[in-house]
Protein backbone atom coordinates (compact mmCIF):
# COMPACT_ATOMS: atom_id res chain seq x y z
CA MET A 1 -22.59 28.25 -2.10
CA ARG A 2 -20.37 25.19 -2.40
CA SER A 3 -18.51 24.46 -5.59
CA ARG A 4 -18.35 21.10 -7.27
CA ARG A 5 -15.98 18.44 -5.99
CA VAL A 6 -12.55 18.46 -7.61
CA SER A 7 -12.52 16.00 -10.52
CA SER A 8 -9.61 13.69 -11.32
CA SER A 9 -8.69 15.80 -14.37
CA ASP A 10 -8.75 18.97 -12.24
CA ARG A 11 -6.49 17.28 -9.73
CA LEU A 12 -4.13 16.31 -12.55
CA ASP A 13 -4.02 19.99 -13.58
CA MET A 14 -3.01 20.89 -10.05
CA LYS A 15 -0.39 18.13 -9.99
CA LEU A 16 1.18 19.57 -13.13
CA LEU A 17 1.25 23.05 -11.62
CA ALA A 18 2.74 21.68 -8.39
CA LEU A 19 5.47 19.89 -10.35
CA ILE A 20 6.34 22.99 -12.38
CA PHE A 21 6.50 25.23 -9.32
CA GLY A 22 8.31 22.50 -7.36
CA PHE A 23 11.11 22.25 -9.91
CA GLY A 24 11.26 26.03 -10.11
CA LEU A 25 11.52 26.34 -6.34
CA GLU A 26 14.23 23.69 -6.28
CA HIS A 27 16.24 25.62 -8.85
CA PHE A 28 16.05 29.01 -7.14
CA ALA A 29 15.90 28.09 -3.44
CA THR A 30 19.23 26.30 -3.26
CA GLN A 31 19.92 27.70 0.21
CA LEU A 32 16.91 25.76 1.52
CA LEU A 33 17.93 22.40 0.05
CA HIS A 34 19.64 21.26 3.24
CA LEU A 35 16.17 21.14 4.83
CA ARG A 36 15.30 18.23 2.54
CA GLU A 37 17.90 15.91 4.03
CA LEU A 38 15.51 15.28 6.95
CA ARG A 39 18.24 13.91 9.22
CA TRP A 40 15.82 13.66 12.13
CA PHE A 41 14.42 10.50 10.52
CA ASP A 42 17.74 8.70 11.07
CA ALA A 43 17.05 8.03 14.75
CA TYR A 44 13.58 6.72 13.89
CA PHE A 45 14.97 4.42 11.19
CA ASP A 46 17.75 3.20 13.49
CA ILE A 47 15.24 2.02 16.10
CA GLY A 48 13.44 -0.07 13.51
CA LEU A 49 16.67 -1.44 12.03
CA GLN A 50 17.95 -2.52 15.42
CA ARG A 51 14.68 -4.31 16.16
CA GLY A 52 14.42 -5.82 12.71
CA LYS A 53 17.91 -7.35 12.65
CA GLN A 54 16.84 -9.68 15.47
CA LEU A 55 13.82 -11.07 13.59
CA ASN A 56 13.40 -13.72 10.93
CA VAL A 57 13.28 -12.83 7.25
CA ALA A 58 9.48 -12.71 6.97
CA LEU A 59 9.12 -10.32 9.89
CA THR A 60 11.75 -7.95 8.51
CA TYR A 61 9.25 -7.01 5.80
CA VAL A 62 6.70 -6.19 8.49
CA VAL A 63 9.24 -3.88 10.12
CA VAL A 64 9.94 -2.21 6.76
CA ALA A 65 6.20 -1.72 6.19
CA VAL A 66 5.81 -0.09 9.60
CA LEU A 67 8.86 2.14 9.08
CA LEU A 68 7.35 3.35 5.81
CA ALA A 69 3.76 3.64 7.03
CA LEU A 70 4.17 5.80 10.15
CA PRO A 71 5.77 8.83 8.40
CA LEU A 72 2.97 8.70 5.82
CA LEU A 73 0.16 9.28 8.32
CA PRO A 74 0.34 13.12 8.53
CA VAL A 75 0.54 13.51 4.75
CA LEU A 76 -2.19 10.92 4.26
CA ALA A 77 -4.47 12.70 6.74
CA ILE A 78 -4.13 16.03 4.93
CA HIS A 79 -4.49 14.40 1.52
CA VAL A 80 -7.64 12.51 2.51
CA SER A 81 -9.23 15.53 4.19
CA MET A 82 -8.74 17.58 1.03
CA GLY A 83 -10.11 14.80 -1.13
CA GLU A 84 -13.22 14.34 0.99
CA ALA A 85 -14.03 18.04 1.39
CA ASP A 86 -16.95 19.03 -0.81
CA ILE A 87 -15.27 22.24 -1.97
CA ARG A 88 -12.60 23.17 -4.48
CA TRP A 89 -9.20 23.05 -2.81
CA ASP A 90 -7.30 24.54 -5.74
CA ILE A 91 -4.97 26.90 -3.87
CA ALA A 92 -4.70 24.77 -0.74
CA TYR A 93 -3.98 21.61 -2.71
CA ILE A 94 -1.36 23.27 -4.93
CA LEU A 95 0.46 24.75 -1.94
CA PHE A 96 0.33 21.44 -0.08
CA ALA A 97 1.47 19.49 -3.15
CA LEU A 98 4.19 22.06 -3.90
CA LEU A 99 5.61 21.67 -0.39
CA VAL A 100 5.59 17.89 -0.66
CA VAL A 101 7.21 17.88 -4.12
CA PHE A 102 9.92 20.30 -3.01
CA ILE A 103 10.75 18.15 0.04
CA CYS A 104 10.67 14.89 -1.91
CA LEU A 105 12.94 15.93 -4.79
CA GLY A 106 16.42 15.18 -3.63
CA PRO A 107 17.81 15.03 -0.97
CA ARG A 108 20.14 17.24 -3.01
CA ASP A 109 19.50 18.85 -6.37
CA LEU A 110 21.14 16.53 -8.90
CA GLY A 111 21.99 19.32 -11.35
CA ASN A 112 23.63 21.44 -8.65
CA GLU A 113 25.61 18.45 -7.42
CA VAL A 114 26.85 17.70 -10.93
CA ASP A 115 27.85 21.36 -11.34
CA GLU A 116 29.68 21.17 -8.02
CA TYR A 117 31.54 18.05 -9.15
CA CYS A 118 32.53 19.65 -12.46
CA ALA A 119 33.70 22.86 -10.77
CA ALA A 120 35.82 20.91 -8.28
CA LEU A 121 37.28 18.76 -11.05
CA ASP A 122 38.08 21.72 -13.30
CA SER A 123 39.73 23.58 -10.41
CA GLY A 124 41.85 20.58 -9.45
CA ASP A 125 40.21 20.13 -6.03
CA LYS A 126 40.67 16.35 -5.83
CA GLU A 127 39.37 16.07 -2.28
CA ARG A 128 36.05 17.75 -3.08
CA THR A 129 35.81 15.87 -6.38
CA SER A 130 36.17 12.59 -4.51
CA GLU A 131 33.56 13.61 -1.93
CA VAL A 132 30.93 14.57 -4.50
CA SER A 133 31.67 11.51 -6.62
CA PHE A 134 31.13 9.31 -3.56
CA GLU A 135 27.86 11.10 -2.75
CA LEU A 136 26.61 10.48 -6.28
CA ALA A 137 27.77 6.87 -6.59
CA GLU A 138 27.00 6.04 -2.91
CA SER A 139 30.13 3.85 -2.82
CA ARG A 140 33.80 3.67 -3.76
CA ARG A 141 34.31 1.74 -6.98
CA ARG A 142 37.74 0.44 -7.86
CA GLY A 143 38.85 -0.74 -11.28
CA VAL A 144 36.29 1.51 -13.03
CA SER A 145 37.18 4.71 -14.85
CA GLU A 146 36.04 7.98 -13.32
CA VAL A 147 34.08 8.78 -16.48
CA ASP A 148 32.07 5.56 -16.15
CA VAL A 149 31.49 6.07 -12.43
CA ILE A 150 30.12 9.60 -12.75
CA GLU A 151 27.96 8.86 -15.79
CA GLU A 152 26.43 5.76 -14.26
CA ALA A 153 25.86 7.53 -10.95
CA ILE A 154 23.93 10.36 -12.63
CA PHE A 155 21.69 8.00 -14.58
CA VAL A 156 21.05 5.87 -11.48
CA GLN A 157 20.41 8.83 -9.18
CA ALA A 158 17.97 10.52 -11.57
CA PRO A 159 15.21 7.90 -10.98
CA ASN A 160 15.90 7.93 -7.22
CA ARG A 161 15.86 11.70 -6.86
CA ILE A 162 13.56 12.87 -9.67
CA PHE A 163 11.66 10.40 -11.82
CA GLY A 164 10.49 8.13 -9.01
CA VAL A 165 9.09 11.12 -7.14
CA VAL A 166 7.35 12.48 -10.25
CA PHE A 167 5.87 9.09 -11.19
CA TRP A 168 4.39 8.34 -7.78
CA PHE A 169 3.20 11.92 -7.40
CA ILE A 170 1.21 11.60 -10.63
CA VAL A 171 -0.12 8.16 -9.65
CA LEU A 172 -0.98 8.75 -5.97
CA GLY A 173 -0.51 12.47 -5.42
CA PRO A 174 1.51 13.84 -2.48
CA ILE A 175 1.16 10.59 -0.53
CA GLY A 176 2.80 8.70 -3.42
CA ALA A 177 5.72 11.12 -3.70
CA TRP A 178 6.25 11.05 0.06
CA LEU A 179 6.09 7.23 0.15
CA PHE A 180 8.81 7.01 -2.47
CA ARG A 181 10.94 9.60 -0.69
CA VAL A 182 10.68 7.81 2.65
CA SER A 183 11.59 4.48 1.02
CA ASP A 184 14.70 6.06 -0.51
CA MET A 185 15.71 7.65 2.80
CA LEU A 186 15.25 4.28 4.51
CA ARG A 187 17.33 2.57 1.81
CA ARG A 188 20.17 5.06 2.22
CA ARG A 189 20.15 4.84 6.01
CA THR A 190 20.01 1.04 5.97
CA ALA A 191 22.96 0.85 3.57
CA PHE A 192 24.91 3.21 5.85
CA GLU A 193 24.14 1.18 8.97
CA ALA A 194 24.77 -2.13 7.17
CA ALA A 195 28.37 -1.07 6.60
CA ARG A 196 28.77 -0.83 10.37
CA ASP A 197 26.51 -3.66 11.53
CA GLU A 198 26.70 -7.01 9.73
CA ALA A 199 23.37 -8.19 11.15
CA ILE A 200 21.54 -5.23 9.59
CA GLY A 201 23.23 -5.99 6.28
CA GLU A 202 22.12 -9.61 6.39
CA ARG A 203 18.55 -9.17 7.64
CA MET A 204 17.25 -5.68 6.97
CA LEU A 205 19.13 -4.46 3.90
CA PRO A 206 17.72 -7.06 1.44
CA ALA A 207 14.15 -6.35 2.56
CA VAL A 208 14.55 -2.57 2.39
CA GLU A 209 16.23 -2.71 -1.03
CA LEU A 210 13.53 -5.01 -2.43
CA VAL A 211 10.69 -2.74 -1.30
CA HIS A 212 12.39 0.34 -2.72
CA ALA A 213 13.25 -1.52 -5.93
CA LEU A 214 9.61 -2.48 -6.41
CA LEU A 215 8.59 1.17 -6.10
CA LEU A 216 11.37 2.09 -8.53
CA TRP A 217 10.65 -0.61 -11.13
CA VAL A 218 8.26 1.39 -13.33
CA PRO A 219 9.98 4.80 -12.96
CA VAL A 220 13.35 3.32 -13.92
CA ARG A 221 11.95 1.82 -17.10
CA LEU A 222 10.11 4.98 -18.04
CA ALA A 223 13.29 6.95 -17.35
CA ALA A 224 15.26 4.52 -19.53
CA LEU A 225 12.70 5.00 -22.29
CA GLY A 226 13.16 8.75 -21.89
CA TYR A 227 16.93 8.36 -22.14
CA ALA A 228 16.45 6.44 -25.39
CA LEU A 229 14.09 9.05 -26.84
CA SER A 230 16.43 11.86 -25.78
CA GLY A 231 19.57 10.33 -27.27
CA SER A 232 20.57 7.49 -29.55
CA PHE A 233 17.44 5.35 -29.58
CA ASP A 234 18.90 2.33 -31.40
CA ASP A 235 21.96 2.08 -29.17
CA ALA A 236 19.85 2.50 -26.03
CA LEU A 237 17.37 -0.15 -27.18
CA ASN A 238 20.14 -2.60 -28.04
CA ASN A 239 21.64 -2.14 -24.58
CA TRP A 240 18.22 -2.68 -22.99
CA ARG A 241 17.79 -5.96 -24.89
CA SER A 242 21.26 -7.14 -23.89
CA GLN A 243 20.36 -7.01 -20.20
CA ALA A 244 18.25 -10.18 -20.30
CA ALA A 245 21.26 -12.00 -18.82
CA LEU A 246 20.77 -10.12 -15.53
CA GLN A 247 17.61 -12.02 -14.57
CA GLY A 248 19.45 -13.79 -11.75
CA GLU A 249 20.51 -10.52 -10.11
CA SER A 250 18.57 -8.69 -7.40
CA LEU A 251 15.85 -6.31 -8.51
CA GLN A 252 17.79 -3.36 -7.09
CA ARG A 253 20.84 -4.35 -9.12
CA ARG A 254 18.78 -4.81 -12.30
CA ASN A 255 17.20 -1.37 -11.86
CA ASP A 256 20.59 0.30 -11.46
CA VAL A 257 22.23 -1.54 -14.35
CA LEU A 258 19.30 -0.78 -16.64
CA ALA A 259 19.33 2.95 -15.86
CA ALA A 260 23.12 3.23 -16.15
CA GLY A 261 23.47 1.04 -19.24
CA VAL A 262 20.65 2.56 -21.27
CA GLY A 263 21.65 6.08 -20.29
CA LYS A 264 25.27 5.60 -21.35
CA ALA A 265 24.24 3.88 -24.59
CA ALA A 266 21.86 6.76 -25.39
CA MET A 267 24.83 9.13 -25.28
CA THR A 268 26.36 7.46 -28.35
CA GLY A 269 26.89 9.92 -31.19
CA PHE A 270 26.09 13.55 -30.47
CA LEU A 271 26.60 12.98 -26.75
CA ALA A 272 29.49 10.58 -27.24
CA GLN A 273 31.47 9.73 -24.14
CA PRO A 274 34.40 12.16 -23.82
CA ALA A 275 37.68 11.37 -22.11
CA ASN A 276 37.13 14.23 -19.67
CA SER A 277 34.78 13.22 -16.84
CA SER A 278 33.68 16.83 -16.38
CA LEU A 279 32.27 16.87 -19.91
CA ALA A 280 30.86 13.39 -19.38
CA ALA A 281 28.99 14.55 -16.28
CA ARG A 282 27.57 17.60 -18.04
CA ASN A 283 26.45 15.52 -21.03
CA ALA A 284 24.85 12.90 -18.79
CA MET A 285 22.98 15.61 -16.90
CA ARG A 286 21.91 17.14 -20.20
CA LEU A 287 20.34 13.82 -21.18
CA VAL A 288 18.54 13.59 -17.83
CA THR A 289 17.19 17.13 -18.33
CA ARG A 290 15.93 16.25 -21.80
CA THR A 291 14.22 13.18 -20.40
CA LEU A 292 12.55 15.25 -17.69
CA PHE A 293 11.35 17.65 -20.37
CA ILE A 294 9.77 14.73 -22.25
CA TRP A 295 8.07 13.57 -19.05
CA MET A 296 6.62 17.02 -18.45
CA ILE A 297 5.32 17.19 -22.01
CA VAL A 298 3.59 13.82 -21.58
CA ILE A 299 2.05 14.95 -18.29
CA ALA A 300 0.91 18.18 -19.94
CA LEU A 301 -0.74 16.16 -22.73
CA MET A 302 -2.45 13.99 -20.13
CA THR A 303 -3.76 17.19 -18.57
CA ILE A 304 -4.95 18.68 -21.86
CA PHE A 305 -6.79 15.54 -22.94
CA GLY A 306 -8.05 14.71 -19.44
CA TRP A 307 -6.17 11.44 -19.11
CA ALA A 308 -6.25 11.28 -15.36
CA VAL A 309 -4.65 8.43 -13.49
């Protein structure tokens, strides 16, 4: 006898379970985290970037759409087949969603990377400290204190590695989380190639960054709201209001400045910025963890009251 079709509220229950187990797996399976870097996509991205740099601006967006769409097909096929099946896919869906969430969170665990930075800094390993700081900030920044660099990098990376994945997973399920993850991988690879190929930087990088920034727009603002609720709300809100002057900047830049600025402002008071960047990194990560906890509570409430998206 066939069971009833899975309702949207049931599916939300399973999403919550997949998120909880996904974060748990990420915490305990650190030896598997290198599998999430998915380096085999680099060659695929490079083909598209080389083709796209020869096209006009309008067609570069077509190339970006194709580069994002093709990796989605296997996940989309599984997702649709489960949704159309007239049976309850509780276990199958949770396992499938758990695998997708685990792969999409990252590419490296942000908390572990912050711990690695702090350990290297405390032990005086300047070379490793510089390497991890570069991985977090994705660039070398001169004329900015190390405390500012590491704090801002943590608050910017949290939406890219965590909150964006969670948001799109709740909205669209595994296909949403995977879409966001692929867009972030494409953004990182394009930025890397743009540093070596000026044509890619001129043609493809703006299109890739805009697409990723559009996917990140809502998660960044919800993350910023979480930072405010987790720390000094008034200071965070004042910083948010002060960013109206950035309207002329690119969307990617506005997203990053909002996340970094509101996060740092929220640390005012009981998480006040210390002179030691090791303490600053730990405090920033503590604020991110609190924000994630708030997100999970909200998702749990959505589940309890049947507020399915």
